[in-house]
Amino acid sequence: MPRDHLLPEDVAEAADKAARERLEAAMKRALWAQQASRSWAALTAVTAPQPSR
């Protein structure tokens, strides 16, 4: 079976695309986590018993 000989530029381009996709996915997860954390903090602030003065 013949092997495909890829040019270094083609390999680099594919690696760049994969790296961008991984970074985009990581950024989406980070944004989701930040939003979830803020939502949890807001919910906790509303539902937590308030100290009496």
N, C-alpha and C. Protein backbone atom coordinates (compact mmCIF):
# COMPACT_ATOMS: atom_id res chain seq x y z
N MET A 1 0.85 -1.17 0.00
CA MET A 1 0.00 0.00 0.00
C MET A 1 0.90 1.24 0.00
N PRO A 2 0.71 2.14 -0.96
CA PRO A 2 1.56 3.34 -1.00
C PRO A 2 1.26 4.28 0.16
N ARG A 3 2.32 4.90 0.63
CA ARG A 3 2.16 5.86 1.72
C ARG A 3 1.95 7.25 1.14
N ASP A 4 1.07 8.00 1.77
CA ASP A 4 0.88 9.39 1.36
C ASP A 4 2.03 10.21 1.92
N HIS A 5 2.64 10.98 1.08
CA HIS A 5 3.71 11.86 1.53
C HIS A 5 3.11 13.27 1.64
N LEU A 6 2.92 13.68 2.87
CA LEU A 6 2.34 15.00 3.09
C LEU A 6 3.44 16.04 3.18
N LEU A 7 3.15 17.19 2.66
CA LEU A 7 4.09 18.30 2.77
C LEU A 7 4.06 18.83 4.20
N PRO A 8 5.19 19.31 4.69
CA PRO A 8 5.21 19.86 6.06
C PRO A 8 4.17 20.96 6.27
N GLU A 9 3.91 21.74 5.24
CA GLU A 9 2.90 22.81 5.35
C GLU A 9 1.52 22.23 5.60
N ASP A 10 1.21 21.12 4.93
CA ASP A 10 -0.09 20.47 5.11
C ASP A 10 -0.23 19.90 6.51
N VAL A 11 0.83 19.30 7.00
CA VAL A 11 0.81 18.73 8.34
C VAL A 11 0.65 19.84 9.37
N ALA A 12 1.39 20.93 9.20
CA ALA A 12 1.32 22.06 10.12
C ALA A 12 -0.07 22.68 10.10
N GLU A 13 -0.66 22.79 8.92
CA GLU A 13 -1.99 23.37 8.82
C GLU A 13 -3.02 22.51 9.55
N ALA A 14 -2.93 21.21 9.39
CA ALA A 14 -3.84 20.31 10.09
C ALA A 14 -3.63 20.39 11.61
N ALA A 15 -2.38 20.49 12.03
CA ALA A 15 -2.09 20.61 13.47
C ALA A 15 -2.62 21.92 14.01
N ASP A 16 -2.47 23.01 13.25
CA ASP A 16 -3.00 24.31 13.68
C ASP A 16 -4.51 24.25 13.83
N LYS A 17 -5.17 23.62 12.88
CA LYS A 17 -6.63 23.53 12.94
C LYS A 17 -7.05 22.72 14.16
N ALA A 18 -6.39 21.62 14.42
CA ALA A 18 -6.72 20.79 15.58
C ALA A 18 -6.46 21.56 16.88
N ALA A 19 -5.36 22.29 16.93
CA ALA A 19 -5.04 23.07 18.13
C ALA A 19 -6.09 24.16 18.35
N ARG A 20 -6.51 24.82 17.27
CA ARG A 20 -7.55 25.85 17.40
C ARG A 20 -8.86 25.24 17.89
N GLU A 21 -9.20 24.08 17.38
CA GLU A 21 -10.45 23.43 17.80
C GLU A 21 -10.38 23.03 19.28
N ARG A 22 -9.22 22.52 19.72
CA ARG A 22 -9.06 22.16 21.13
C ARG A 22 -9.15 23.40 22.02
N LEU A 23 -8.50 24.48 21.58
CA LEU A 23 -8.54 25.72 22.35
C LEU A 23 -9.97 26.26 22.43
N GLU A 24 -10.68 26.23 21.33
CA GLU A 24 -12.06 26.70 21.31
C GLU A 24 -12.93 25.88 22.26
N ALA A 25 -12.75 24.57 22.25
CA ALA A 25 -13.52 23.71 23.15
C ALA A 25 -13.17 24.00 24.61
N ALA A 26 -11.89 24.21 24.90
CA ALA A 26 -11.47 24.52 26.27
C ALA A 26 -12.04 25.86 26.72
N MET A 27 -12.08 26.83 25.82
CA MET A 27 -12.64 28.14 26.17
C MET A 27 -14.14 28.05 26.42
N LYS A 28 -14.83 27.23 25.64
CA LYS A 28 -16.27 27.05 25.86
C LYS A 28 -16.52 26.39 27.21
N ARG A 29 -15.69 25.36 27.55
CA ARG A 29 -15.85 24.71 28.86
C ARG A 29 -15.56 25.69 29.99
N ALA A 30 -14.54 26.52 29.83
CA ALA A 30 -14.21 27.51 30.86
C ALA A 30 -15.33 28.52 31.03
N LEU A 31 -15.90 28.98 29.94
CA LEU A 31 -17.01 29.92 30.00
C LEU A 31 -18.21 29.28 30.67
N TRP A 32 -18.52 28.05 30.32
CA TRP A 32 -19.63 27.34 30.95
C TRP A 32 -19.39 27.21 32.45
N ALA A 33 -18.17 26.85 32.84
CA ALA A 33 -17.85 26.69 34.26
C ALA A 33 -17.98 28.02 35.00
N GLN A 34 -17.54 29.09 34.37
CA GLN A 34 -17.65 30.41 35.00
C GLN A 34 -19.11 30.78 35.19
N GLN A 35 -19.93 30.55 34.17
CA GLN A 35 -21.35 30.88 34.27
C GLN A 35 -22.04 30.02 35.33
N ALA A 36 -21.68 28.74 35.37
CA ALA A 36 -22.27 27.84 36.37
C ALA A 36 -21.87 28.27 37.77
N SER A 37 -20.61 28.67 37.94
CA SER A 37 -20.13 29.12 39.25
C SER A 37 -20.88 30.37 39.69
N ARG A 38 -21.05 31.30 38.78
CA ARG A 38 -21.78 32.54 39.12
C ARG A 38 -23.24 32.23 39.46
N SER A 39 -23.85 31.33 38.70
CA SER A 39 -25.24 30.96 38.97
C SER A 39 -25.36 30.30 40.34
N TRP A 40 -24.41 29.42 40.64
CA TRP A 40 -24.41 28.73 41.93
C TRP A 40 -24.21 29.74 43.07
N ALA A 41 -23.31 30.68 42.89
CA ALA A 41 -23.07 31.70 43.91
C ALA A 41 -24.31 32.56 44.12
N ALA A 42 -24.98 32.93 43.05
CA ALA A 42 -26.19 33.74 43.16
C ALA A 42 -27.29 32.96 43.86
N LEU A 43 -27.46 31.71 43.50
CA LEU A 43 -28.47 30.87 44.14
C LEU A 43 -28.18 30.68 45.61
N THR A 44 -26.93 30.45 45.94
CA THR A 44 -26.54 30.27 47.33
C THR A 44 -26.79 31.54 48.13
N ALA A 45 -26.49 32.69 47.53
CA ALA A 45 -26.69 33.95 48.23
C ALA A 45 -28.17 34.19 48.52
N VAL A 46 -29.02 33.77 47.61
CA VAL A 46 -30.47 33.98 47.79
C VAL A 46 -31.04 32.98 48.78
N THR A 47 -30.60 31.75 48.74
CA THR A 47 -31.23 30.70 49.56
C THR A 47 -30.54 30.46 50.89
N ALA A 48 -29.34 31.02 51.11
CA ALA A 48 -28.63 30.79 52.36
C ALA A 48 -29.33 31.56 53.48
N PRO A 49 -29.36 30.97 54.65
CA PRO A 49 -29.95 31.71 55.78
C PRO A 49 -29.12 32.95 56.10
N GLN A 50 -29.81 34.05 56.32
CA GLN A 50 -29.14 35.29 56.61
C GLN A 50 -28.88 35.39 58.11
N PRO A 51 -27.69 35.83 58.49
CA PRO A 51 -27.42 35.97 59.92
C PRO A 51 -28.28 37.07 60.54
N SER A 52 -28.74 36.84 61.74
CA SER A 52 -29.55 37.86 62.41
C SER A 52 -28.62 38.87 63.08
N ARG A 53 -29.07 40.09 63.10
CA ARG A 53 -28.23 41.16 63.67
C ARG A 53 -28.54 41.37 65.11
